[in-house]
Protein backbone atom coordinates (compact mmCIF):
# COMPACT_ATOMS: atom_id res chain seq x y z
CA MET A 1 5.48 4.66 -5.52
CA THR A 2 5.70 5.35 -1.80
CA GLU A 3 8.94 7.27 -2.38
CA VAL A 4 7.26 9.45 -5.01
CA LEU A 5 4.42 10.26 -2.62
CA ALA A 6 6.83 10.94 0.25
CA GLN A 7 8.87 13.33 -1.89
CA SER A 8 5.66 15.24 -2.61
CA ALA A 9 4.73 15.35 1.10
CA ILE A 10 1.59 13.29 0.50
CA ASN A 11 0.32 11.36 3.52
CA ILE A 12 -0.63 7.74 2.86
CA ARG A 13 -3.67 6.72 4.93
CA GLY A 14 -3.95 3.20 3.57
CA LEU A 15 -1.87 0.91 1.38
CA ALA A 16 -2.34 -2.62 0.05
CA THR A 17 -0.63 -4.66 -2.63
CA ASP A 18 -1.65 -7.75 -4.54
CA LYS A 19 -0.26 -9.71 -7.44
CA MET A 20 -3.07 -10.09 -9.96
CA GLY A 21 -1.52 -11.27 -13.20
CA PRO A 22 1.95 -10.40 -14.41
CA ARG A 23 2.21 -7.08 -12.52
CA PRO A 24 1.50 -6.19 -8.92
CA THR A 25 -1.48 -4.04 -8.05
CA VAL A 26 -1.10 -1.29 -5.47
CA LYS A 27 -4.10 0.31 -3.77
CA VAL A 28 -3.39 3.54 -1.98
CA ILE A 29 -5.54 6.05 -0.13
CA THR A 30 -4.09 9.48 0.57
CA ASP A 31 -5.24 12.76 2.08
CA ASP A 32 -4.86 14.66 -1.20
CA GLU A 33 -6.15 13.10 -4.42
CA TYR A 34 -5.14 16.03 -6.65
CA SER A 35 -1.49 16.02 -5.49
CA THR A 36 -1.40 12.20 -5.61
CA ARG A 37 -2.63 12.20 -9.19
CA LYS A 38 -0.07 14.85 -10.13
CA ALA A 39 2.84 13.06 -8.42
CA LEU A 40 2.04 9.66 -9.93
CA SER A 41 1.59 11.15 -13.40
CA ARG A 42 4.85 13.09 -13.14
CA ALA A 43 6.63 9.84 -12.19
CA SER A 44 5.03 8.07 -15.20
CA PHE A 45 3.05 5.55 -13.14
CA ASP A 46 0.06 3.93 -14.80
CA PHE A 47 -2.91 4.18 -12.45
CA GLU A 48 -6.67 4.04 -12.23
CA GLU A 49 -8.81 5.92 -9.76
CA THR A 50 -11.82 4.58 -7.94
CA GLU A 51 -14.11 6.68 -5.82
CA VAL A 52 -14.36 5.29 -2.30
CA VAL A 53 -16.73 6.04 0.53
CA LEU A 54 -15.08 6.50 3.93
CA VAL A 55 -17.08 5.24 6.90
CA ASP A 56 -15.87 5.87 10.45
CA LEU A 57 -15.90 2.78 12.65
CA ILE A 58 -15.53 1.97 16.31
CA ASP A 59 -12.93 -0.77 16.88
CA ARG A 60 -15.17 -3.58 18.11
CA PRO A 61 -16.52 -6.85 16.72
CA GLY A 62 -19.41 -6.61 14.29
CA GLU A 63 -18.93 -3.04 13.05
CA ILE A 64 -17.97 -4.03 9.50
CA ALA A 65 -20.87 -6.49 9.41
CA LYS A 66 -23.28 -3.65 10.34
CA VAL A 67 -22.02 -1.57 7.42
CA ALA A 68 -22.33 -4.53 5.04
CA ARG A 69 -25.91 -5.21 6.20
CA ARG A 70 -26.92 -1.57 5.69
CA ALA A 71 -25.43 -1.56 2.21
CA ALA A 72 -27.13 -4.87 1.31
CA LYS A 73 -30.54 -3.69 2.55
CA ALA A 74 -30.21 -0.56 0.38
CA GLY A 75 -29.16 -2.59 -2.68
CA VAL A 76 -25.60 -1.22 -2.77
CA ASN A 77 -23.00 -3.75 -3.94
CA ILE A 78 -19.63 -3.52 -2.22
CA ASN A 79 -16.83 -4.21 -4.72
CA SER A 80 -13.86 -3.63 -2.44
CA VAL A 81 -13.14 -3.05 1.24
CA PHE A 82 -10.13 -1.38 2.79
CA VAL A 83 -9.74 -0.92 6.56
CA ILE A 84 -7.74 2.11 7.65
CA GLY A 85 -6.70 2.19 11.29
CA LYS A 86 -4.97 0.37 14.07
CA LYS A 87 -6.00 -1.51 17.18
CA ASP A 88 -7.91 0.37 19.89
CA THR A 89 -8.30 3.55 17.85
CA PRO A 90 -11.16 4.81 15.70
CA ALA A 91 -10.86 3.31 12.24
CA ALA A 92 -12.26 4.08 8.83
CA LEU A 93 -13.58 1.71 6.23
CA ALA A 94 -12.97 2.65 2.60
CA LEU A 95 -15.59 1.05 0.36
CA GLY A 96 -15.61 0.81 -3.39
CA THR A 97 -19.23 0.35 -4.47
CA ASP A 98 -21.33 0.14 -7.60
CA ASP A 99 -23.12 3.37 -6.54
CA PRO A 100 -20.79 5.71 -4.57
CA LYS A 101 -23.35 8.53 -4.32
CA LYS A 102 -26.01 6.27 -2.82
CA ALA A 103 -23.44 4.66 -0.52
CA LYS A 104 -22.32 8.08 0.74
CA ARG A 105 -25.88 9.13 1.56
CA LEU A 106 -26.49 5.83 3.30
CA LEU A 107 -23.26 5.30 5.20
CA GLU A 108 -21.47 8.56 5.93
């Protein structure tokens, strides 16, 4: 999958894998959802899309907890969390929620 995206000049911002059942699951965040969808379809990959909310973070203790508290107070359930970044640089948190529109208004 990474080779297919590279051949299409699609930048991967975040990547995670997990083995849930008989087949591995790959979660990927790119800069271009349209081209990603097209490349994966052309390569005959089965995939599902989930809307995520990107929240910019400062790299210091407690920042993810602040986001989680804000979401909880607003009644937004966080279904998945994906940290994008590296040490000592601004990072982003990609959140899959039960209400992406509400989460965007609240957190972005």
